[in-house]
Amino acid sequence: MLETLLIRSRAVPPEPPRRRGATSVGPERDRFGVLRGVLSAVPWLQVGLGATIVLLAAMVPWATDRLLTAMDQQIIAVDVRGEFVGDSATAVERAASAWIGKSYFATDLAEVKAQLEQRPWIASVAVRRVWPGRLEIDIREKKPLAYWTDGRLVSRSGELFLPSNPEVAGRLPRLAGPDERVREVISMARTMSDQLAGYGLGFAGLSLEQRGAWTLTLSNGIEVVLGRDKVEQRFERFITVYENRLASRVDEVSRVDARYSNGVAVQWKSDVATAAPKS
């Protein structure tokens, strides 16, 4: 028996009509997709942190200035420390009192140092602030080694200076010579002084003439002429002659000329007295 099978099919909606001449495309492009992609790629945490650091760095000087301004006050005292021979703590304190009443933080310590180091006796100055309103000043004086030409003093470091009171240096050797050769004179004086001490002779002075001739003076008044050439050898020759011939008669010697090649010429005090004109 032939059965007729009826298949009920699902209704299919008709395909929408296409516009003539148009091509089918995919979904419409997201207009803000690229922008969202860029924004999602930016490390906003790092950017925010960096901006915060920059802002804080810009505010630090301002905040520091405001803090110092709030804390600032006047200098109320100056403390001076050091060992004084030529200058005095009172005089230095009087000079430093010019900064009392000035700003504690705004005062330029380098200026204080420079001003005080202009004083003839002062070799160096160290200045520091002490909270809440004091300055501490440490002074190091020049140590005089000898008197120099025209009454000036020469320090152990070879610096020439002329204070108003050079006499406070006491008894010192007398050195003389061109200013530009002061260190050479000091070096020669130290060498000779050390050697003389080994023979019981005191060093009183050394002179270097402009033309280069050296003259030594002993503490007993004897003058030793050494000339310009072979000064060290001539000095050694004098020492030898003194040790062998003159030590026993040292009180009779007035002057020794060591410029001879094989010996020295001695001038005796008796000869000087005889040659002196009678008044």
C-alpha atoms as a PDB file:
ATOM      1  CA  MET A   1       0.000   0.000   0.000  1.00  0.00           C
ATOM      2  CA  LEU A   2       1.409   3.244  -1.000  1.00  0.00           C
ATOM      3  CA  GLU A   3       1.475   5.590   1.858  1.00  0.00           C
ATOM      4  CA  THR A   4       1.722   9.144   1.271  1.00  0.00           C
ATOM      5  CA  LEU A   5       4.136  10.739   3.729  1.00  0.00           C
ATOM      6  CA  LEU A   6       3.770  14.344   4.260  1.00  0.00           C
ATOM      7  CA  ILE A   7       6.897  16.087   5.642  1.00  0.00           C
ATOM      8  CA  ARG A   8       6.128  19.318   7.311  1.00  0.00           C
ATOM      9  CA  SER A   9       9.146  21.499   6.878  1.00  0.00           C
ATOM     10  CA  ARG A  10      10.123  24.443   9.127  1.00  0.00           C
ATOM     11  CA  ALA A  11       9.430  27.744   7.635  1.00  0.00           C
ATOM     12  CA  VAL A  12      12.630  29.491   6.549  1.00  0.00           C
ATOM     13  CA  PRO A  13      12.499  33.250   6.434  1.00  0.00           C
ATOM     14  CA  PRO A  14      13.303  34.646   3.101  1.00  0.00           C
ATOM     15  CA  GLU A  15      16.824  36.072   2.564  1.00  0.00           C
ATOM     16  CA  PRO A  16      16.826  39.826   2.786  1.00  0.00           C
ATOM     17  CA  PRO A  17      17.194  41.466  -0.523  1.00  0.00           C
ATOM     18  CA  ARG A  18      20.645  42.676  -1.443  1.00  0.00           C
ATOM     19  CA  ARG A  19      21.289  46.083  -2.737  1.00  0.00           C
ATOM     20  CA  ARG A  20      22.266  46.017  -6.291  1.00  0.00           C
ATOM     21  CA  GLY A  21      26.016  46.524  -6.764  1.00  0.00           C
ATOM     22  CA  ALA A  22      26.833  46.083  -3.004  1.00  0.00           C
ATOM     23  CA  THR A  23      29.248  43.598  -1.552  1.00  0.00           C
ATOM     24  CA  SER A  24      28.564  41.733   1.655  1.00  0.00           C
ATOM     25  CA  VAL A  25      30.894  42.707   4.563  1.00  0.00           C
ATOM     26  CA  GLY A  26      31.468  41.523   8.160  1.00  0.00           C
ATOM     27  CA  PRO A  27      30.330  43.226  11.355  1.00  0.00           C
ATOM     28  CA  GLU A  28      30.751  47.004  11.551  1.00  0.00           C
ATOM     29  CA  ARG A  29      34.256  47.997  12.859  1.00  0.00           C
ATOM     30  CA  ASP A  30      34.440  49.286  16.437  1.00  0.00           C
ATOM     31  CA  ARG A  31      35.247  52.970  16.134  1.00  0.00           C
ATOM     32  CA  PHE A  32      36.874  53.157  19.619  1.00  0.00           C
ATOM     33  CA  GLY A  33      38.677  49.835  19.567  1.00  0.00           C
ATOM     34  CA  VAL A  34      42.080  51.285  18.750  1.00  0.00           C
ATOM     35  CA  LEU A  35      41.784  53.938  21.458  1.00  0.00           C
ATOM     36  CA  ARG A  36      40.750  51.324  23.990  1.00  0.00           C
ATOM     37  CA  GLY A  37      43.730  49.204  22.952  1.00  0.00           C
ATOM     38  CA  VAL A  38      46.172  52.055  23.424  1.00  0.00           C
ATOM     39  CA  LEU A  39      44.709  52.987  26.788  1.00  0.00           C
ATOM     40  CA  SER A  40      44.799  49.405  27.982  1.00  0.00           C
ATOM     41  CA  ALA A  41      48.486  49.156  27.021  1.00  0.00           C
ATOM     42  CA  VAL A  42      49.540  52.215  29.071  1.00  0.00           C
ATOM     43  CA  PRO A  43      50.903  51.262  32.553  1.00  0.00           C
ATOM     44  CA  TRP A  44      48.767  53.700  34.490  1.00  0.00           C
ATOM     45  CA  LEU A  45      50.183  52.657  37.848  1.00  0.00           C
ATOM     46  CA  GLN A  46      53.730  53.515  36.816  1.00  0.00           C
ATOM     47  CA  VAL A  47      52.611  56.773  35.243  1.00  0.00           C
ATOM     48  CA  GLY A  48      50.811  57.773  38.406  1.00  0.00           C
ATOM     49  CA  LEU A  49      53.793  56.842  40.578  1.00  0.00           C
ATOM     50  CA  GLY A  50      56.157  58.805  38.358  1.00  0.00           C
ATOM     51  CA  ALA A  51      53.924  61.860  38.426  1.00  0.00           C
ATOM     52  CA  THR A  52      53.755  61.651  42.206  1.00  0.00           C
ATOM     53  CA  ILE A  53      57.564  61.476  42.512  1.00  0.00           C
ATOM     54  CA  VAL A  54      57.995  64.487  40.217  1.00  0.00           C
ATOM     55  CA  LEU A  55      55.456  66.440  42.226  1.00  0.00           C
ATOM     56  CA  LEU A  56      57.122  65.565  45.525  1.00  0.00           C
ATOM     57  CA  ALA A  57      60.566  66.438  44.157  1.00  0.00           C
ATOM     58  CA  ALA A  58      59.259  69.831  43.090  1.00  0.00           C
ATOM     59  CA  MET A  59      57.779  70.420  46.521  1.00  0.00           C
ATOM     60  CA  VAL A  60      60.888  69.421  48.553  1.00  0.00           C
ATOM     61  CA  PRO A  61      62.824  72.726  48.066  1.00  0.00           C
ATOM     62  CA  TRP A  62      59.712  74.715  48.847  1.00  0.00           C
ATOM     63  CA  ALA A  63      58.939  72.650  51.916  1.00  0.00           C
ATOM     64  CA  THR A  64      62.571  72.796  53.071  1.00  0.00           C
ATOM     65  CA  ASP A  65      62.648  76.552  52.686  1.00  0.00           C
ATOM     66  CA  ARG A  66      59.412  76.895  54.619  1.00  0.00           C
ATOM     67  CA  LEU A  67      60.738  74.619  57.364  1.00  0.00           C
ATOM     68  CA  LEU A  68      64.042  76.475  57.700  1.00  0.00           C
ATOM     69  CA  THR A  69      62.221  79.787  57.717  1.00  0.00           C
ATOM     70  CA  ALA A  70      60.004  78.548  60.511  1.00  0.00           C
ATOM     71  CA  MET A  71      63.010  77.226  62.484  1.00  0.00           C
ATOM     72  CA  ASP A  72      65.383  80.120  61.761  1.00  0.00           C
ATOM     73  CA  GLN A  73      66.415  82.519  64.474  1.00  0.00           C
ATOM     74  CA  GLN A  74      69.192  84.933  65.277  1.00  0.00           C
ATOM     75  CA  ILE A  75      72.745  84.020  66.285  1.00  0.00           C
ATOM     76  CA  ILE A  76      72.897  84.834  69.983  1.00  0.00           C
ATOM     77  CA  ALA A  77      76.516  83.887  70.858  1.00  0.00           C
ATOM     78  CA  VAL A  78      79.918  83.092  69.387  1.00  0.00           C
ATOM     79  CA  ASP A  79      82.353  80.679  71.061  1.00  0.00           C
ATOM     80  CA  VAL A  80      86.052  81.015  70.136  1.00  0.00           C
ATOM     81  CA  ARG A  81      88.541  78.251  70.859  1.00  0.00           C
ATOM     82  CA  GLY A  82      92.272  77.944  70.232  1.00  0.00           C
ATOM     83  CA  GLU A  83      95.745  78.542  71.650  1.00  0.00           C
ATOM     84  CA  PHE A  84      96.690  82.205  71.359  1.00  0.00           C
ATOM     85  CA  VAL A  85     100.115  83.830  71.480  1.00  0.00           C
ATOM     86  CA  GLY A  86     100.002  86.727  69.046  1.00  0.00           C
ATOM     87  CA  ASP A  87      96.265  87.293  68.843  1.00  0.00           C
ATOM     88  CA  SER A  88      93.788  86.870  71.693  1.00  0.00           C
ATOM     89  CA  ALA A  89      90.488  85.090  72.172  1.00  0.00           C
ATOM     90  CA  THR A  90      88.896  88.358  73.312  1.00  0.00           C
ATOM     91  CA  ALA A  91      89.970  90.204  70.165  1.00  0.00           C
ATOM     92  CA  VAL A  92      88.753  87.409  67.915  1.00  0.00           C
ATOM     93  CA  GLU A  93      85.426  87.214  69.773  1.00  0.00           C
ATOM     94  CA  ARG A  94      85.046  90.964  69.349  1.00  0.00           C
ATOM     95  CA  ALA A  95      85.634  90.615  65.606  1.00  0.00           C
ATOM     96  CA  ALA A  96      83.259  87.654  65.352  1.00  0.00           C
ATOM     97  CA  SER A  97      80.538  89.485  67.271  1.00  0.00           C
ATOM     98  CA  ALA A  98      79.669  91.218  63.988  1.00  0.00           C
ATOM     99  CA  TRP A  99      77.583  88.112  63.167  1.00  0.00           C
ATOM    100  CA  ILE A 100      75.573  88.165  66.390  1.00  0.00           C
ATOM    101  CA  GLY A 101      71.983  88.991  65.502  1.00  0.00           C
ATOM    102  CA  LYS A 102      72.345  87.614  61.985  1.00  0.00           C
ATOM    103  CA  SER A 103      70.285  84.696  60.635  1.00  0.00           C
ATOM    104  CA  TYR A 104      71.367  81.328  62.009  1.00  0.00           C
ATOM    105  CA  PHE A 105      70.795  79.507  58.709  1.00  0.00           C
ATOM    106  CA  ALA A 106      71.434  82.319  56.214  1.00  0.00           C
ATOM    107  CA  THR A 107      74.828  83.323  57.619  1.00  0.00           C
ATOM    108  CA  ASP A 108      77.575  82.271  55.209  1.00  0.00           C
ATOM    109  CA  LEU A 109      80.152  80.349  57.256  1.00  0.00           C
ATOM    110  CA  ALA A 110      82.710  80.685  54.448  1.00  0.00           C
ATOM    111  CA  GLU A 111      82.435  84.445  54.768  1.00  0.00           C
ATOM    112  CA  VAL A 112      83.026  84.257  58.523  1.00  0.00           C
ATOM    113  CA  LYS A 113      86.090  82.092  57.901  1.00  0.00           C
ATOM    114  CA  ALA A 114      87.487  84.395  55.207  1.00  0.00           C
ATOM    115  CA  GLN A 115      87.005  87.527  57.309  1.00  0.00           C
ATOM    116  CA  LEU A 116      88.759  86.109  60.370  1.00  0.00           C
ATOM    117  CA  GLU A 117      91.647  84.653  58.353  1.00  0.00           C
ATOM    118  CA  GLN A 118      92.553  88.185  57.284  1.00  0.00           C
ATOM    119  CA  ARG A 119      93.895  88.796  60.785  1.00  0.00           C
ATOM    120  CA  PRO A 120      97.735  88.653  60.608  1.00  0.00           C
ATOM    121  CA  TRP A 121      98.259  86.024  63.302  1.00  0.00           C
ATOM    122  CA  ILE A 122      95.540  83.609  62.190  1.00  0.00           C
ATOM    123  CA  ALA A 123      96.576  80.686  59.995  1.00  0.00           C
ATOM    124  CA  SER A 124      93.216  78.918  59.642  1.00  0.00           C
ATOM    125  CA  VAL A 125      89.647  79.091  60.931  1.00  0.00           C
ATOM    126  CA  ALA A 126      86.963  76.405  61.216  1.00  0.00           C
ATOM    127  CA  VAL A 127      83.378  77.580  61.787  1.00  0.00           C
ATOM    128  CA  ARG A 128      80.310  75.491  62.569  1.00  0.00           C
ATOM    129  CA  ARG A 129      76.733  76.094  63.693  1.00  0.00           C
ATOM    130  CA  VAL A 130      75.537  74.829  67.068  1.00  0.00           C
ATOM    131  CA  TRP A 131      71.765  74.688  67.471  1.00  0.00           C
ATOM    132  CA  PRO A 132      69.817  76.658  68.438  1.00  0.00           C
ATOM    133  CA  GLY A 133      71.739  79.911  67.957  1.00  0.00           C
ATOM    134  CA  ARG A 134      75.509  79.688  68.407  1.00  0.00           C
ATOM    135  CA  LEU A 135      78.615  79.704  66.241  1.00  0.00           C
ATOM    136  CA  GLU A 136      81.695  77.719  67.265  1.00  0.00           C
ATOM    137  CA  ILE A 137      84.975  79.048  65.874  1.00  0.00           C
ATOM    138  CA  ASP A 138      88.241  77.078  66.121  1.00  0.00           C
ATOM    139  CA  ILE A 139      91.370  79.167  65.552  1.00  0.00           C
ATOM    140  CA  ARG A 140      94.857  77.962  64.590  1.00  0.00           C
ATOM    141  CA  GLU A 141      97.568  80.601  64.852  1.00  0.00           C
ATOM    142  CA  LYS A 142     100.691  80.916  62.732  1.00  0.00           C
ATOM    143  CA  LYS A 143     103.779  79.597  64.486  1.00  0.00           C
ATOM    144  CA  PRO A 144     106.638  82.068  64.048  1.00  0.00           C
ATOM    145  CA  LEU A 145     109.976  80.511  63.148  1.00  0.00           C
ATOM    146  CA  ALA A 146     112.193  83.570  62.862  1.00  0.00           C
ATOM    147  CA  TYR A 147     112.315  87.292  62.300  1.00  0.00           C
ATOM    148  CA  TRP A 148     112.643  88.225  58.651  1.00  0.00           C
ATOM    149  CA  THR A 149     114.006  91.208  56.769  1.00  0.00           C
ATOM    150  CA  ASP A 150     112.534  94.596  57.855  1.00  0.00           C
ATOM    151  CA  GLY A 151     110.991  93.233  61.067  1.00  0.00           C
ATOM    152  CA  ARG A 152     108.471  90.852  59.590  1.00  0.00           C
ATOM    153  CA  LEU A 153     107.947  87.360  60.910  1.00  0.00           C
ATOM    154  CA  VAL A 154     108.255  84.124  58.960  1.00  0.00           C
ATOM    155  CA  SER A 155     106.071  81.194  59.990  1.00  0.00           C
ATOM    156  CA  ARG A 156     107.118  77.568  60.085  1.00  0.00           C
ATOM    157  CA  SER A 157     105.240  77.030  56.839  1.00  0.00           C
ATOM    158  CA  GLY A 158     107.254  79.768  55.135  1.00  0.00           C
ATOM    159  CA  GLU A 159     104.612  82.493  55.200  1.00  0.00           C
ATOM    160  CA  LEU A 160     105.768  86.072  55.742  1.00  0.00           C
ATOM    161  CA  PHE A 161     103.503  88.278  57.840  1.00  0.00           C
ATOM    162  CA  LEU A 162     103.677  91.576  59.693  1.00  0.00           C
ATOM    163  CA  PRO A 163     101.468  91.807  62.783  1.00  0.00           C
ATOM    164  CA  SER A 164     101.270  94.931  64.901  1.00  0.00           C
ATOM    165  CA  ASN A 165     103.022  93.118  67.776  1.00  0.00           C
ATOM    166  CA  PRO A 166     105.851  90.967  66.323  1.00  0.00           C
ATOM    167  CA  GLU A 167     107.788  91.284  69.572  1.00  0.00           C
ATOM    168  CA  VAL A 168     105.461  88.808  71.308  1.00  0.00           C
ATOM    169  CA  ALA A 169     107.222  86.062  69.341  1.00  0.00           C
ATOM    170  CA  GLY A 170     110.132  86.442  71.776  1.00  0.00           C
ATOM    171  CA  ARG A 171     113.715  85.517  70.980  1.00  0.00           C
ATOM    172  CA  LEU A 172     113.957  83.944  67.570  1.00  0.00           C
ATOM    173  CA  PRO A 173     116.694  83.564  64.946  1.00  0.00           C
ATOM    174  CA  ARG A 174     116.972  86.260  62.297  1.00  0.00           C
ATOM    175  CA  LEU A 175     116.725  85.271  58.662  1.00  0.00           C
ATOM    176  CA  ALA A 176     117.115  87.534  55.663  1.00  0.00           C
ATOM    177  CA  GLY A 177     116.933  87.280  51.897  1.00  0.00           C
ATOM    178  CA  PRO A 178     114.735  87.942  48.888  1.00  0.00           C
ATOM    179  CA  ASP A 179     111.086  87.215  49.699  1.00  0.00           C
ATOM    180  CA  GLU A 180     110.746  84.765  46.826  1.00  0.00           C
ATOM    181  CA  ARG A 181     113.549  82.612  48.303  1.00  0.00           C
ATOM    182  CA  VAL A 182     112.229  82.452  51.855  1.00  0.00           C
ATOM    183  CA  ARG A 183     111.662  78.695  51.758  1.00  0.00           C
ATOM    184  CA  GLU A 184     115.218  78.107  50.548  1.00  0.00           C
ATOM    185  CA  VAL A 185     116.572  80.191  53.431  1.00  0.00           C
ATOM    186  CA  ILE A 186     114.429  78.273  55.924  1.00  0.00           C
ATOM    187  CA  SER A 187     115.616  74.919  54.587  1.00  0.00           C
ATOM    188  CA  MET A 188     119.282  75.937  54.782  1.00  0.00           C
ATOM    189  CA  ALA A 189     118.809  77.386  58.277  1.00  0.00           C
ATOM    190  CA  ARG A 190     117.253  74.181  59.579  1.00  0.00           C
ATOM    191  CA  THR A 191     120.067  72.044  58.161  1.00  0.00           C
ATOM    192  CA  MET A 192     122.791  74.232  59.670  1.00  0.00           C
ATOM    193  CA  SER A 193     121.009  74.613  63.011  1.00  0.00           C
ATOM    194  CA  ASP A 194     120.729  70.841  63.433  1.00  0.00           C
ATOM    195  CA  GLN A 195     124.423  70.328  62.669  1.00  0.00           C
ATOM    196  CA  LEU A 196     125.587  73.147  64.918  1.00  0.00           C
ATOM    197  CA  ALA A 197     123.620  71.742  67.847  1.00  0.00           C
ATOM    198  CA  GLY A 198     125.724  68.573  67.674  1.00  0.00           C
ATOM    199  CA  TYR A 199     128.826  70.653  68.458  1.00  0.00           C
ATOM    200  CA  GLY A 200     127.269  72.748  71.176  1.00  0.00           C
ATOM    201  CA  LEU A 201     126.891  75.795  68.941  1.00  0.00           C
ATOM    202  CA  GLY A 202     123.719  77.814  68.800  1.00  0.00           C
ATOM    203  CA  PHE A 203     122.168  79.139  65.605  1.00  0.00           C
ATOM    204  CA  ALA A 204     121.314  82.854  65.627  1.00  0.00           C
ATOM    205  CA  GLY A 205     120.711  83.783  62.010  1.00  0.00           C
ATOM    206  CA  LEU A 206     121.318  83.270  58.314  1.00  0.00           C
ATOM    207  CA  SER A 207     121.408  85.838  55.554  1.00  0.00           C
ATOM    208  CA  LEU A 208     121.170  85.380  51.793  1.00  0.00           C
ATOM    209  CA  GLU A 209     122.217  88.419  49.803  1.00  0.00           C
ATOM    210  CA  GLN A 210     120.564  89.384  46.543  1.00  0.00           C
ATOM    211  CA  ARG A 211     123.642  88.268  44.617  1.00  0.00           C
ATOM    212  CA  GLY A 212     123.512  84.837  46.290  1.00  0.00           C
ATOM    213  CA  ALA A 213     126.127  85.003  49.067  1.00  0.00           C
ATOM    214  CA  TRP A 214     125.352  83.297  52.396  1.00  0.00           C
ATOM    215  CA  THR A 215     126.428  84.478  55.868  1.00  0.00           C
ATOM    216  CA  LEU A 216     125.808  82.477  59.039  1.00  0.00           C
ATOM    217  CA  THR A 217     125.621  83.978  62.538  1.00  0.00           C
ATOM    218  CA  LEU A 218     126.126  81.860  65.663  1.00  0.00           C
ATOM    219  CA  SER A 219     124.488  82.536  69.010  1.00  0.00           C
ATOM    220  CA  ASN A 220     127.912  83.441  70.477  1.00  0.00           C
ATOM    221  CA  GLY A 221     128.231  86.240  67.923  1.00  0.00           C
ATOM    222  CA  ILE A 222     130.662  84.587  65.519  1.00  0.00           C
ATOM    223  CA  GLU A 223     129.968  85.415  61.885  1.00  0.00           C
ATOM    224  CA  VAL A 224     130.738  82.737  59.282  1.00  0.00           C
ATOM    225  CA  VAL A 225     131.060  83.912  55.673  1.00  0.00           C
ATOM    226  CA  LEU A 226     130.154  81.114  53.244  1.00  0.00           C
ATOM    227  CA  GLY A 227     129.883  82.934  49.922  1.00  0.00           C
ATOM    228  CA  ARG A 228     127.861  81.863  46.885  1.00  0.00           C
ATOM    229  CA  ASP A 229     129.419  78.563  45.721  1.00  0.00           C
ATOM    230  CA  LYS A 230     129.826  75.186  47.434  1.00  0.00           C
ATOM    231  CA  VAL A 231     128.059  76.535  50.511  1.00  0.00           C
ATOM    232  CA  GLU A 232     127.510  73.107  52.098  1.00  0.00           C
ATOM    233  CA  GLN A 233     131.171  72.131  51.636  1.00  0.00           C
ATOM    234  CA  ARG A 234     132.372  75.410  53.112  1.00  0.00           C
ATOM    235  CA  PHE A 235     130.062  74.965  56.080  1.00  0.00           C
ATOM    236  CA  GLU A 236     131.465  71.471  56.659  1.00  0.00           C
ATOM    237  CA  ARG A 237     135.001  72.910  56.462  1.00  0.00           C
ATOM    238  CA  PHE A 238     134.150  75.467  59.114  1.00  0.00           C
ATOM    239  CA  ILE A 239     132.769  72.723  61.370  1.00  0.00           C
ATOM    240  CA  THR A 240     136.007  70.715  60.966  1.00  0.00           C
ATOM    241  CA  VAL A 241     138.231  73.725  61.723  1.00  0.00           C
ATOM    242  CA  TYR A 242     136.102  74.692  64.676  1.00  0.00           C
ATOM    243  CA  GLU A 243     136.210  71.196  66.158  1.00  0.00           C
ATOM    244  CA  ASN A 244     139.992  70.832  65.719  1.00  0.00           C
ATOM    245  CA  ARG A 245     141.313  74.364  66.235  1.00  0.00           C
ATOM    246  CA  LEU A 246     138.762  76.851  67.436  1.00  0.00           C
ATOM    247  CA  ALA A 247     136.625  75.122  70.073  1.00  0.00           C
ATOM    248  CA  SER A 248     139.095  75.927  72.825  1.00  0.00           C
ATOM    249  CA  ARG A 249     139.369  79.584  71.767  1.00  0.00           C
ATOM    250  CA  VAL A 250     135.790  80.228  70.705  1.00  0.00           C
ATOM    251  CA  ASP A 251     135.484  83.278  72.969  1.00  0.00           C
ATOM    252  CA  GLU A 252     138.327  84.937  71.052  1.00  0.00           C
ATOM    253  CA  VAL A 253     136.851  84.497  67.563  1.00  0.00           C
ATOM    254  CA  SER A 254     134.995  87.345  65.862  1.00  0.00           C
ATOM    255  CA  ARG A 255     134.626  86.188  62.243  1.00  0.00           C
ATOM    256  CA  VAL A 256     135.451  83.178  60.092  1.00  0.00           C
ATOM    257  CA  ASP A 257     135.748  83.399  56.308  1.00  0.00           C
ATOM    258  CA  ALA A 258     135.255  79.935  54.776  1.00  0.00           C
ATOM    259  CA  ARG A 259     135.488  81.009  51.134  1.00  0.00           C
ATOM    260  CA  TYR A 260     139.037  79.679  50.804  1.00  0.00           C
ATOM    261  CA  SER A 261     139.643  76.413  48.964  1.00  0.00           C
ATOM    262  CA  ASN A 262     141.865  74.713  51.574  1.00  0.00           C
ATOM    263  CA  GLY A 263     141.033  76.387  54.852  1.00  0.00           C
ATOM    264  CA  VAL A 264     139.423  79.349  56.570  1.00  0.00           C
ATOM    265  CA  ALA A 265     140.527  82.813  57.588  1.00  0.00           C
ATOM    266  CA  VAL A 266     139.906  83.700  61.229  1.00  0.00           C
ATOM    267  CA  GLN A 267     139.459  87.207  62.537  1.00  0.00           C
ATOM    268  CA  TRP A 268     140.127  87.505  66.261  1.00  0.00           C
ATOM    269  CA  LYS A 269     138.350  89.845  68.613  1.00  0.00           C
ATOM    270  CA  SER A 270     141.686  91.255  69.741  1.00  0.00           C
ATOM    271  CA  ASP A 271     142.483  92.233  66.163  1.00  0.00           C
ATOM    272  CA  VAL A 272     139.139  93.966  65.846  1.00  0.00           C
ATOM    273  CA  ALA A 273     139.727  95.872  69.098  1.00  0.00           C
ATOM    274  CA  THR A 274     143.215  96.935  67.955  1.00  0.00           C
ATOM    275  CA  ALA A 275     141.961  98.088  64.567  1.00  0.00           C
ATOM    276  CA  ALA A 276     139.063 100.073  66.057  1.00  0.00           C
ATOM    277  CA  PRO A 277     139.701 103.841  66.058  1.00  0.00           C
ATOM    278  CA  LYS A 278     140.160 105.395  69.503  1.00  0.00           C
ATOM    279  CA  SER A 279     137.673 108.045  70.442  1.00  0.00           C
END
